[in-house]
Amino acid sequence: MSTSVILPVEAEGFIQSLETFTLRELGSARWFRQHEYIEKLNMQAILNAQAMHEEFVKELLVLLGKIPVLVHELILVEVWKQKVFPVLCQLQDFNPKNTFQLYMIHHEATIINLLETILFHKDSCDAADGSLLDLVDYCHRKLTLLASGATGQGADTRSQLDRASFMEELQMQNAALEFEISLKAASVLQYLTDHTDSISVINRMLCTHNMPCVLVQLIDSCPWSRCQEGEVQKHIDGKWQTVPAEDRLKMTKLDGQVWIALYNLLLKEDCQRKYDFNSFNKNQLLKLRAFLTDVLIDQLPNLIELQRFLAHLAVVDSAPPKKELILEQIPEMRSNVIKANSGKWEAIAKHQVKETFSPSDSDLRQQAQRLAQTYSLDVMESLLPERPKCGSCGNEASKRCSRCQGEWYCHRECQVKHWPKHKKACQLIAEASEKTQKDLQIKS
């Protein structure tokens, strides 16, 4: 693939400059610049992985020791969404002019996506060092919510968004993103179980969080599958797809990742030695036998070993794990963020309303210009796994807004219907793109 976002020398500069921020600094000019860097690094990492080219973004993040910075940023935004965002939405003077001002909501998704891409490789897990414990805790929080159904299913439709007020739209976007982020956390967890041999990380997954039982609940509830109007739909490649009757037993990538994570946690020697196969855990694990059908094992043959292990577990009383004296690390990032900001959530929200969400028209134009530079249309199209969707009805689209080039429609009627919502963003993006082109012409 010839399309690229940044060159290796640019990536090195971006990664070298990555730094940790305080909660109050989210949305500042300096933070926004780093947000742009991470967006570009994420897009380039995906392009490199798709094309199976040299993954220089991953190599540089490992070499420069910046993966812990990404994990800290991930957790910082998670805390902001949980503690500050709800307060922000209740403030009377919170009235952002465009949803793209709330790039913090999307920043968490960008980082988990980048981490998913780079943690496929063992050296990335090794370079994450102590931050893996914080990442394990993060994945546990997301997967627990996913298994309980608290994230919903990201089922917001364009028609729902069209009827929603601005604040409702914001909340719906946040809920849809939370579902997508939780699915990414399942992928990240699988890579951690693949690569880590840290006793502290293994102990955290098995003893502190009892991750095998969480994964059993995920397989039982299968939140990435649903029935809509008599049709079975599965969440594949970031979207809900109707599955033909003949493919309903076909394993999705998400199914495979959860099963592989379970396989690793139950069959690796170090894990078996640490896990407590008490009566509760044993009964939960034995639920898996109902799902280990011949059709499933044909698609993932390694699961026959898991099937044999469960058959053995059903008839044998396992000895309790040996008590060992272990000096282990503990995760600190989230607790440090919460401790530093406890009791200050409203003050931070009010500060951000004033400093971040009340920009002048010139500030808005500048933001739009920078976002237009970050999200190159050619690059974004090369990252899409499917044809664009209509901005109004969600159907497959072939016509693009002629002015901003950033929104797609299937028919003229949909474009006219969506115009009241699209108008302001269209104007800002179009002006920003024109300015960018002029600047490029002057430089050349």
Protein backbone atom coordinates (compact mmCIF):
# COMPACT_ATOMS: atom_id res chain seq x y z
CA MET A 1 0.00 0.00 0.00
CA SER A 2 1.58 3.25 -1.14
CA THR A 3 -0.53 5.58 0.98
CA SER A 4 1.22 6.82 4.10
CA VAL A 5 0.48 9.32 6.85
CA ILE A 6 3.94 10.07 8.22
CA LEU A 7 7.54 9.15 7.43
CA PRO A 8 9.74 7.26 9.91
CA VAL A 9 11.66 10.43 10.78
CA GLU A 10 8.38 12.25 11.56
CA ALA A 11 7.17 9.29 13.63
CA GLU A 12 10.38 9.39 15.65
CA GLY A 13 9.85 13.08 16.42
CA PHE A 14 6.21 12.52 17.39
CA ILE A 15 7.02 9.57 19.64
CA GLN A 16 10.00 11.26 21.26
CA SER A 17 7.75 14.18 22.25
CA LEU A 18 5.01 12.04 23.90
CA GLU A 19 4.48 13.05 27.53
CA THR A 20 2.08 12.47 30.40
CA PHE A 21 -0.54 15.09 31.27
CA THR A 22 -2.68 15.93 34.26
CA LEU A 23 -6.47 15.62 34.10
CA ARG A 24 -6.84 19.41 34.13
CA GLU A 25 -4.62 19.70 31.03
CA LEU A 26 -6.86 17.53 28.83
CA GLY A 27 -8.03 19.66 25.92
CA SER A 28 -5.18 22.18 26.23
CA ALA A 29 -3.28 23.24 23.12
CA ARG A 30 -0.30 21.09 24.11
CA TRP A 31 -2.51 18.07 24.75
CA PHE A 32 -4.37 18.61 21.48
CA ARG A 33 -1.05 18.57 19.62
CA GLN A 34 -0.19 15.23 21.20
CA HIS A 35 -3.69 13.99 20.31
CA GLU A 36 -2.92 14.76 16.66
CA TYR A 37 0.41 12.95 16.89
CA ILE A 38 -1.22 9.83 18.33
CA GLU A 39 -3.94 9.90 15.68
CA LYS A 40 -1.32 9.95 12.94
CA LEU A 41 0.78 7.26 14.63
CA ASN A 42 -2.30 5.07 14.95
CA MET A 43 -3.21 5.44 11.28
CA GLN A 44 0.35 4.75 10.17
CA ALA A 45 0.64 1.71 12.43
CA ILE A 46 -2.55 0.26 10.92
CA LEU A 47 -1.35 0.94 7.37
CA ASN A 48 1.98 -0.75 8.06
CA ALA A 49 0.33 -3.78 9.65
CA GLN A 50 -2.19 -4.12 6.80
CA ALA A 51 0.53 -3.90 4.15
CA MET A 52 2.92 -6.12 6.19
CA HIS A 53 5.60 -3.45 5.80
CA GLU A 54 8.23 -2.56 8.37
CA GLU A 55 6.25 -1.53 11.46
CA PHE A 56 8.40 1.45 12.31
CA VAL A 57 5.79 3.01 14.64
CA LYS A 58 5.87 -0.09 16.84
CA GLU A 59 9.66 -0.28 16.70
CA LEU A 60 10.06 3.35 17.74
CA LEU A 61 7.54 3.10 20.58
CA VAL A 62 9.52 0.13 21.92
CA LEU A 63 12.94 1.72 21.37
CA LEU A 64 12.02 5.05 22.94
CA GLY A 65 10.14 3.49 25.87
CA LYS A 66 6.87 5.35 25.24
CA ILE A 67 4.32 2.53 25.57
CA PRO A 68 3.79 3.31 29.30
CA VAL A 69 2.96 6.91 28.25
CA LEU A 70 0.22 5.58 25.96
CA VAL A 71 -1.20 3.44 28.78
CA HIS A 72 -1.20 6.44 31.13
CA GLU A 73 -2.99 8.54 28.50
CA LEU A 74 -5.55 5.77 28.01
CA ILE A 75 -6.34 5.61 31.72
CA LEU A 76 -6.35 9.40 32.08
CA VAL A 77 -9.06 9.75 29.43
CA GLU A 78 -11.02 6.85 30.94
CA VAL A 79 -11.06 8.65 34.31
CA TRP A 80 -12.06 11.92 32.58
CA LYS A 81 -15.02 10.19 30.91
CA GLN A 82 -16.14 8.63 34.18
CA LYS A 83 -15.60 11.55 36.56
CA VAL A 84 -15.54 14.83 34.62
CA PHE A 85 -17.68 14.27 31.51
CA PRO A 86 -20.95 13.60 33.46
CA VAL A 87 -20.38 16.78 35.51
CA LEU A 88 -19.58 18.69 32.32
CA CYS A 89 -22.86 17.64 30.68
CA GLN A 90 -24.86 19.03 33.62
CA LEU A 91 -23.26 22.48 33.60
CA GLN A 92 -25.56 25.16 32.19
CA ASP A 93 -22.75 27.01 30.44
CA PHE A 94 -21.52 23.87 28.65
CA ASN A 95 -22.60 24.47 25.06
CA PRO A 96 -19.91 23.40 22.56
CA LYS A 97 -20.55 24.57 19.03
CA ASN A 98 -19.50 21.28 17.40
CA THR A 99 -19.07 17.68 18.52
CA PHE A 100 -15.51 17.62 17.15
CA GLN A 101 -14.50 19.82 20.07
CA LEU A 102 -15.03 16.77 22.28
CA TYR A 103 -12.11 14.87 20.77
CA MET A 104 -11.35 13.55 24.29
CA ILE A 105 -14.24 11.10 23.88
CA HIS A 106 -12.59 9.62 20.78
CA HIS A 107 -9.03 9.76 22.12
CA GLU A 108 -9.48 6.65 24.27
CA ALA A 109 -10.61 4.67 21.21
CA THR A 110 -7.56 5.87 19.24
CA ILE A 111 -5.12 4.77 21.92
CA ILE A 112 -6.67 1.33 22.52
CA ASN A 113 -6.62 0.84 18.74
CA LEU A 114 -2.91 1.72 18.58
CA LEU A 115 -2.14 -0.55 21.53
CA GLU A 116 -4.06 -3.40 19.89
CA THR A 117 -1.93 -3.01 16.76
CA ILE A 118 1.46 -2.92 18.49
CA LEU A 119 0.83 -5.44 21.32
CA PHE A 120 0.42 -8.15 18.70
CA HIS A 121 4.22 -8.33 19.05
CA LYS A 122 5.92 -9.72 22.15
CA ASP A 123 8.61 -7.03 22.30
CA SER A 124 5.87 -4.42 22.75
CA CYS A 125 4.51 -6.28 25.76
CA ASP A 126 8.01 -6.54 27.19
CA ALA A 127 8.60 -2.80 26.64
CA ALA A 128 5.35 -1.91 28.42
CA ASP A 129 7.03 -3.07 31.64
CA GLY A 130 5.08 -2.19 34.82
CA SER A 131 2.30 -0.44 32.89
CA LEU A 132 1.02 -3.90 31.86
CA LEU A 133 -0.53 -4.20 35.31
CA ASP A 134 -2.49 -1.00 34.74
CA LEU A 135 -3.48 -2.30 31.30
CA VAL A 136 -4.69 -5.61 32.79
CA ASP A 137 -6.86 -3.67 35.26
CA TYR A 138 -8.18 -1.52 32.42
CA CYS A 139 -9.09 -4.59 30.33
CA HIS A 140 -10.79 -6.16 33.34
CA ARG A 141 -12.97 -3.06 33.87
CA LYS A 142 -13.98 -2.97 30.21
CA LEU A 143 -14.67 -6.71 29.88
CA THR A 144 -16.67 -6.80 33.11
CA LEU A 145 -18.91 -4.02 31.79
CA LEU A 146 -19.15 -5.78 28.42
CA ALA A 147 -20.11 -9.12 29.99
CA SER A 148 -22.73 -7.45 32.19
CA GLY A 149 -24.29 -5.63 29.24
CA ALA A 150 -23.55 -2.23 30.79
CA THR A 151 -21.91 -0.95 27.58
CA GLY A 152 -24.96 -1.71 25.46
CA GLN A 153 -24.21 -2.90 21.94
CA GLY A 154 -23.21 0.31 20.22
CA ALA A 155 -26.49 0.13 18.36
CA ASP A 156 -27.09 3.84 17.73
CA THR A 157 -28.39 4.48 14.24
CA ARG A 158 -28.26 7.54 12.03
CA SER A 159 -32.02 7.98 12.35
CA GLN A 160 -31.69 8.02 16.13
CA LEU A 161 -28.93 10.60 15.93
CA ASP A 162 -30.99 12.79 13.61
CA ARG A 163 -33.81 12.92 16.17
CA ALA A 164 -31.49 13.50 19.10
CA SER A 165 -30.63 16.81 20.69
CA PHE A 166 -26.97 17.80 20.79
CA MET A 167 -26.44 16.48 24.34
CA GLU A 168 -28.30 13.25 23.56
CA GLU A 169 -26.18 12.80 20.46
CA LEU A 170 -23.06 13.28 22.55
CA GLN A 171 -24.17 10.66 25.05
CA MET A 172 -25.09 8.21 22.28
CA GLN A 173 -21.73 8.63 20.60
CA ASN A 174 -20.01 8.03 23.92
CA ALA A 175 -22.05 4.85 24.56
CA ALA A 176 -21.35 3.50 21.06
CA LEU A 177 -17.63 4.16 21.49
CA GLU A 178 -17.61 2.47 24.89
CA PHE A 179 -18.87 -0.73 23.27
CA GLU A 180 -16.20 -0.58 20.55
CA ILE A 181 -13.46 0.14 23.11
CA SER A 182 -14.53 -2.83 25.24
CA LEU A 183 -14.27 -5.14 22.23
CA LYS A 184 -10.74 -3.84 21.59
CA ALA A 185 -9.91 -4.59 25.23
CA ALA A 186 -10.71 -8.26 24.56
CA SER A 187 -8.17 -8.24 21.75
CA VAL A 188 -5.53 -6.54 23.90
CA LEU A 189 -6.10 -9.06 26.70
CA GLN A 190 -5.52 -11.95 24.31
CA TYR A 191 -2.13 -10.51 23.30
CA LEU A 192 -1.20 -10.06 26.96
CA THR A 193 -1.99 -13.72 27.66
CA ASP A 194 -0.01 -14.71 24.56
CA HIS A 195 3.17 -12.88 25.47
CA THR A 196 3.53 -12.07 29.13
CA ASP A 197 5.53 -14.28 31.47
CA SER A 198 5.59 -11.77 34.33
CA ILE A 199 4.51 -13.42 37.60
CA SER A 200 2.94 -10.12 38.72
CA VAL A 201 0.85 -9.84 35.54
CA ILE A 202 -0.22 -13.51 35.68
CA ASN A 203 -1.14 -13.15 39.34
CA ARG A 204 -3.14 -10.02 38.57
CA MET A 205 -5.13 -11.73 35.83
CA LEU A 206 -5.77 -14.98 37.70
CA CYS A 207 -5.84 -14.21 41.42
CA THR A 208 -6.89 -10.56 41.64
CA HIS A 209 -9.41 -10.41 38.78
CA ASN A 210 -10.28 -14.08 38.15
CA MET A 211 -10.14 -13.33 34.45
CA PRO A 212 -11.05 -16.90 33.34
CA CYS A 213 -14.50 -16.53 34.92
CA VAL A 214 -14.96 -13.13 33.26
CA LEU A 215 -14.13 -14.71 29.89
CA VAL A 216 -16.58 -17.59 30.56
CA GLN A 217 -19.29 -14.99 31.13
CA LEU A 218 -18.34 -13.27 27.86
CA ILE A 219 -18.65 -16.53 25.92
CA ASP A 220 -21.99 -17.21 27.60
CA SER A 221 -23.45 -13.74 26.94
CA CYS A 222 -21.69 -13.20 23.56
CA PRO A 223 -22.37 -9.43 23.41
CA TRP A 224 -20.96 -9.23 19.85
CA SER A 225 -23.92 -11.28 18.57
CA ARG A 226 -27.59 -10.33 18.60
CA CYS A 227 -30.96 -11.06 17.03
CA GLN A 228 -32.70 -8.18 15.26
CA GLU A 229 -36.13 -8.66 13.68
CA GLY A 230 -35.59 -12.39 13.34
CA GLU A 231 -32.12 -12.02 11.82
CA VAL A 232 -28.84 -12.98 13.48
CA GLN A 233 -26.27 -10.18 13.44
CA LYS A 234 -22.61 -10.31 14.49
CA HIS A 235 -20.19 -7.48 15.13
CA ILE A 236 -17.49 -7.99 12.49
CA ASP A 237 -14.83 -5.47 11.37
CA GLY A 238 -16.31 -2.70 13.49
CA LYS A 239 -19.93 -2.99 12.36
CA TRP A 240 -23.03 -5.13 12.79
CA GLN A 241 -23.54 -7.53 9.90
CA THR A 242 -26.44 -9.85 9.18
CA VAL A 243 -25.16 -13.42 9.09
CA PRO A 244 -26.66 -15.92 6.60
CA ALA A 245 -28.08 -19.10 8.14
CA GLU A 246 -25.22 -21.21 6.75
CA ASP A 247 -22.60 -19.00 8.48
CA ARG A 248 -24.18 -18.67 11.92
CA LEU A 249 -21.86 -21.27 13.48
CA LYS A 250 -18.79 -19.66 11.94
CA MET A 251 -16.38 -18.26 14.55
CA THR A 252 -15.75 -14.52 14.45
CA LYS A 253 -12.41 -12.91 15.29
CA LEU A 254 -13.81 -11.85 18.69
CA ASP A 255 -14.91 -15.41 19.47
CA GLY A 256 -11.44 -16.67 18.61
CA GLN A 257 -9.68 -14.05 20.74
CA VAL A 258 -11.70 -14.89 23.87
CA TRP A 259 -11.17 -18.63 23.38
CA ILE A 260 -7.42 -18.17 22.86
CA ALA A 261 -7.16 -16.02 25.99
CA LEU A 262 -8.96 -18.74 27.96
CA TYR A 263 -6.71 -21.41 26.46
CA ASN A 264 -3.62 -19.46 27.54
CA LEU A 265 -4.88 -18.75 31.05
CA LEU A 266 -5.94 -22.33 31.76
CA LEU A 267 -3.33 -24.44 30.00
CA LYS A 268 -0.04 -22.57 30.40
CA GLU A 269 2.00 -24.23 33.15
CA ASP A 270 2.64 -21.01 35.08
CA CYS A 271 -1.04 -20.17 34.99
CA GLN A 272 -2.20 -23.59 36.15
CA ARG A 273 0.15 -23.38 39.10
CA LYS A 274 -1.28 -19.98 40.16
CA TYR A 275 -5.03 -20.45 39.55
CA ASP A 276 -7.33 -21.66 42.29
CA PHE A 277 -9.61 -24.35 40.84
CA ASN A 278 -12.05 -24.12 43.75
CA SER A 279 -15.62 -25.34 43.46
CA PHE A 280 -16.99 -21.99 42.21
CA ASN A 281 -14.29 -21.50 39.56
CA LYS A 282 -14.54 -25.15 38.55
CA ASN A 283 -18.32 -24.95 38.04
CA GLN A 284 -17.94 -21.77 35.98
CA LEU A 285 -15.25 -23.28 33.77
CA LEU A 286 -17.21 -26.47 33.19
CA LYS A 287 -19.92 -24.36 31.51
CA LEU A 288 -17.50 -24.13 28.59
CA ARG A 289 -18.05 -27.78 27.66
CA ALA A 290 -21.47 -26.96 26.20
CA PHE A 291 -19.83 -24.52 23.76
CA LEU A 292 -16.93 -26.77 22.69
CA THR A 293 -18.75 -28.44 19.80
CA ASP A 294 -17.11 -30.31 16.94
CA VAL A 295 -17.91 -27.38 14.64
CA LEU A 296 -16.07 -24.96 16.94
CA ILE A 297 -13.05 -27.22 17.40
CA ASP A 298 -12.79 -27.74 13.62
CA GLN A 299 -12.30 -23.96 13.29
CA LEU A 300 -9.78 -23.70 16.18
CA PRO A 301 -8.20 -27.17 16.58
CA ASN A 302 -6.13 -26.18 19.64
CA LEU A 303 -9.36 -26.12 21.62
CA ILE A 304 -9.38 -29.92 21.70
CA GLU A 305 -6.68 -29.61 24.38
CA LEU A 306 -8.95 -27.32 26.36
CA GLN A 307 -11.80 -29.82 25.93
CA ARG A 308 -9.61 -32.61 27.32
CA PHE A 309 -8.51 -30.42 30.22
CA LEU A 310 -12.12 -29.66 31.15
CA ALA A 311 -13.05 -33.35 30.95
CA HIS A 312 -10.21 -34.08 33.36
CA LEU A 313 -11.21 -31.17 35.62
CA ALA A 314 -14.76 -32.55 35.86
CA VAL A 315 -13.64 -35.79 37.51
CA VAL A 316 -10.57 -34.71 39.49
CA ASP A 317 -10.36 -32.49 42.56
CA SER A 318 -7.52 -30.07 41.91
CA ALA A 319 -5.13 -29.24 44.70
CA PRO A 320 -5.26 -25.62 45.88
CA PRO A 321 -2.46 -23.42 44.55
CA LYS A 322 0.69 -23.35 46.63
CA LYS A 323 1.07 -20.36 48.88
CA GLU A 324 4.09 -18.44 47.68
CA LEU A 325 5.79 -15.37 49.04
CA ILE A 326 5.86 -13.00 46.10
CA LEU A 327 7.08 -9.45 45.93
CA GLU A 328 5.06 -8.02 43.08
CA GLN A 329 4.34 -4.68 41.53
CA ILE A 330 0.94 -3.07 41.86
CA PRO A 331 -0.78 -0.80 39.33
CA GLU A 332 -0.57 2.86 40.26
CA MET A 333 -1.66 4.99 37.30
CA ARG A 334 -5.41 5.10 37.86
CA SER A 335 -5.19 5.35 41.64
CA ASN A 336 -2.68 8.20 41.33
CA VAL A 337 -4.93 10.11 38.90
CA ILE A 338 -7.99 9.70 41.12
CA LYS A 339 -6.07 10.56 44.28
CA ALA A 340 -4.61 13.72 42.71
CA ASN A 341 -8.02 14.94 41.54
CA SER A 342 -10.43 13.68 44.19
CA GLY A 343 -12.98 16.37 45.04
CA LYS A 344 -11.89 18.51 42.09
CA TRP A 345 -14.12 17.03 39.34
CA GLU A 346 -16.49 20.01 39.15
CA ALA A 347 -13.63 22.50 39.27
CA ILE A 348 -11.91 20.70 36.39
CA ALA A 349 -15.17 20.63 34.42
CA LYS A 350 -15.70 24.36 34.89
CA HIS A 351 -12.09 25.08 33.92
CA GLN A 352 -12.48 23.07 30.72
CA VAL A 353 -15.78 24.76 29.85
CA LYS A 354 -13.98 28.08 29.99
CA GLU A 355 -10.65 27.12 28.45
CA THR A 356 -11.51 24.29 26.04
CA PHE A 357 -15.18 24.34 25.09
CA SER A 358 -15.69 28.06 24.58
CA PRO A 359 -13.40 28.76 21.61
CA SER A 360 -13.68 31.79 19.38
CA ASP A 361 -14.61 31.40 15.71
CA SER A 362 -10.95 31.79 14.76
CA ASP A 363 -9.99 29.05 17.25
CA LEU A 364 -12.65 26.78 15.77
CA ARG A 365 -11.34 27.38 12.26
CA GLN A 366 -7.80 26.65 13.41
CA GLN A 367 -8.93 23.41 15.06
CA ALA A 368 -10.82 22.39 11.94
CA GLN A 369 -7.76 23.10 9.79
CA ARG A 370 -5.54 20.96 11.97
CA LEU A 371 -8.09 18.13 11.99
CA ALA A 372 -8.33 18.36 8.20
CA GLN A 373 -4.55 17.97 8.00
CA THR A 374 -4.64 15.01 10.38
CA TYR A 375 -7.46 13.14 8.69
CA SER A 376 -6.28 13.00 5.09
CA LEU A 377 -9.20 11.78 2.97
CA ASP A 378 -7.02 9.46 0.88
CA VAL A 379 -5.58 7.86 3.99
CA MET A 380 -8.93 7.55 5.74
CA GLU A 381 -10.46 5.85 2.70
CA SER A 382 -7.57 3.38 2.57
CA LEU A 383 -8.30 2.44 6.20
CA LEU A 384 -12.00 1.79 5.63
CA PRO A 385 -12.85 -1.93 5.33
CA GLU A 386 -16.04 -1.17 3.40
CA ARG A 387 -17.85 1.37 1.24
CA PRO A 388 -18.77 4.69 2.94
CA LYS A 389 -22.17 5.02 4.66
CA CYS A 390 -24.76 7.75 4.19
CA GLY A 391 -24.53 10.45 6.85
CA SER A 392 -28.32 10.57 7.10
CA CYS A 393 -29.77 7.06 6.75
CA GLY A 394 -26.68 4.86 7.12
CA ASN A 395 -27.09 3.05 3.79
CA GLU A 396 -24.16 2.53 1.42
CA ALA A 397 -23.24 5.87 -0.15
CA SER A 398 -21.61 6.92 -3.39
CA LYS A 399 -21.98 10.73 -3.31
CA ARG A 400 -19.74 12.98 -1.22
CA CYS A 401 -20.46 16.47 0.07
CA SER A 402 -18.93 18.60 -2.68
CA ARG A 403 -17.83 21.37 -0.35
CA CYS A 404 -16.10 19.70 2.62
CA GLN A 405 -15.58 16.23 1.07
CA GLY A 406 -15.97 14.83 4.58
CA GLU A 407 -19.54 13.42 4.57
CA TRP A 408 -21.20 10.87 2.28
CA TYR A 409 -24.80 10.47 1.11
CA CYS A 410 -26.78 7.95 -0.90
CA HIS A 411 -29.25 10.45 -2.41
CA ARG A 412 -29.80 14.17 -2.68
CA GLU A 413 -32.82 13.87 -0.36
CA CYS A 414 -30.62 12.54 2.46
CA GLN A 415 -28.12 15.34 1.98
CA VAL A 416 -30.86 18.00 2.21
CA LYS A 417 -32.34 16.33 5.31
CA HIS A 418 -28.94 16.16 7.04
CA TRP A 419 -27.84 19.69 6.10
CA PRO A 420 -29.03 21.47 9.31
CA LYS A 421 -26.78 19.21 11.36
CA HIS A 422 -23.90 19.20 8.89
CA LYS A 423 -23.88 22.90 7.95
CA LYS A 424 -21.58 24.32 10.64
CA ALA A 425 -19.04 21.49 10.48
CA CYS A 426 -19.09 21.62 6.67
CA GLN A 427 -18.26 25.31 6.67
CA LEU A 428 -15.40 24.92 9.14
CA ILE A 429 -13.88 21.89 7.41
CA ALA A 430 -14.18 23.46 3.96
CA GLU A 431 -12.52 26.70 5.10
CA ALA A 432 -9.79 24.72 6.86
CA SER A 433 -9.11 22.60 3.79
CA GLU A 434 -8.91 25.68 1.57
CA LYS A 435 -6.45 27.33 3.95
CA THR A 436 -4.37 24.16 4.12
CA GLN A 437 -4.16 24.02 0.32
CA LYS A 438 -3.13 27.68 0.14
CA ASP A 439 -0.45 27.14 2.78
CA LEU A 440 0.90 24.15 0.86
CA GLN A 441 1.00 26.18 -2.36
CA ILE A 442 2.90 29.00 -0.63
CA LYS A 443 5.43 26.54 0.83
CA SER A 444 5.96 24.83 -2.52
